[in-house]
Protein backbone atom coordinates (compact mmCIF):
# COMPACT_ATOMS: atom_id res chain seq x y z
CA MET A 1 41.60 20.76 46.21
CA ILE A 2 39.78 22.93 48.68
CA TYR A 3 40.10 23.23 52.44
CA ARG A 4 37.76 25.22 54.63
CA CYS A 5 38.94 27.20 57.53
CA CYS A 6 37.64 30.04 59.55
CA SER A 7 34.96 30.83 56.87
CA GLU A 8 37.58 31.00 54.14
CA GLU A 9 38.44 28.37 51.64
CA TYR A 10 42.09 27.55 50.79
CA CYS A 11 42.19 26.35 47.15
CA VAL A 12 44.92 25.01 44.88
CA ASP A 13 44.70 24.22 41.21
CA ASP A 14 47.29 23.50 38.44
CA GLU A 15 48.56 27.08 38.52
CA TRP A 16 47.32 28.93 41.57
CA GLU A 17 47.29 28.62 45.36
CA TYR A 18 44.56 31.12 46.65
CA THR A 19 41.89 31.68 49.24
CA VAL A 20 38.26 32.60 48.66
CA THR A 21 37.36 35.27 51.28
CA LYS A 22 34.17 35.66 53.20
CA ASP A 23 32.69 37.80 50.60
CA GLY A 24 33.39 35.34 47.82
CA THR A 25 36.48 36.99 46.13
CA VAL A 26 39.84 35.54 45.46
CA PHE A 27 43.15 36.38 47.09
CA ILE A 28 46.03 34.77 45.08
CA LEU A 29 48.72 33.59 47.46
CA LYS A 30 51.08 31.92 44.96
CA TYR A 31 51.76 31.06 41.32
CA LEU A 32 52.83 27.38 41.03
CA CYS A 33 54.40 27.34 37.48
CA GLN A 34 57.96 28.01 38.42
CA ASP A 35 59.32 27.92 34.74
CA ALA A 36 56.77 30.34 33.23
CA THR A 37 58.34 33.51 31.54
CA ASN A 38 54.78 35.19 30.90
CA VAL A 39 51.80 35.01 33.20
CA VAL A 40 48.34 36.37 32.66
CA ILE A 41 46.50 36.62 35.96
CA PRO A 42 42.90 35.59 35.41
CA ASP A 43 40.09 37.99 36.38
CA ASN A 44 38.22 35.00 38.10
CA LEU A 45 39.16 31.62 39.53
CA ASP A 46 36.36 29.00 39.77
CA GLY A 47 33.75 31.76 38.83
CA LYS A 48 35.00 34.08 41.69
CA THR A 49 36.51 37.47 41.20
CA VAL A 50 40.14 37.85 41.72
CA PHE A 51 40.73 41.04 43.78
CA ALA A 52 44.25 40.68 45.38
CA ILE A 53 47.65 39.25 44.83
CA GLY A 54 49.58 38.36 48.01
CA TYR A 55 53.13 39.14 48.94
CA ASN A 56 55.76 36.89 47.39
CA ALA A 57 53.17 35.33 45.16
CA PHE A 58 55.78 35.12 42.50
CA ALA A 59 58.95 34.87 44.54
CA ASP A 60 59.88 31.29 43.28
CA ASN A 61 59.32 32.30 39.57
CA ARG A 62 62.72 33.54 38.61
CA ALA A 63 62.13 33.28 34.79
CA LEU A 64 59.27 35.73 34.79
CA SER A 65 59.67 38.76 32.45
CA LYS A 66 55.95 39.76 32.07
CA ILE A 67 52.83 39.61 34.18
CA VAL A 68 49.46 40.86 33.00
CA ILE A 69 47.20 41.97 35.88
CA PRO A 70 43.41 42.30 35.18
CA ASP A 71 41.28 45.30 36.18
CA SER A 72 39.65 43.25 38.90
CA VAL A 73 42.85 43.19 41.03
CA VAL A 74 42.61 46.32 43.36
CA MET A 75 45.25 45.33 45.85
CA ILE A 76 48.87 43.89 45.66
CA CYS A 77 50.36 43.28 48.96
CA ASP A 78 53.96 44.45 49.38
CA GLY A 79 54.91 42.66 52.56
């Protein structure tokens, strides 16, 4: 599902809620699989490079014990 707003796209797939920024890179907003224990963040979503992870992206994921972050991610928001 894709929503367009203010030259950014808001997208949701089976695992991720994210925006595609003006420059075509991905900012992850939320991980949607609440029962996951291990997560591998992809280096791209829908062919676009993942560059950032938003504040509270994993806040609802209480079972997480491991997150693998790709080299493409250069920013992790801390609130």
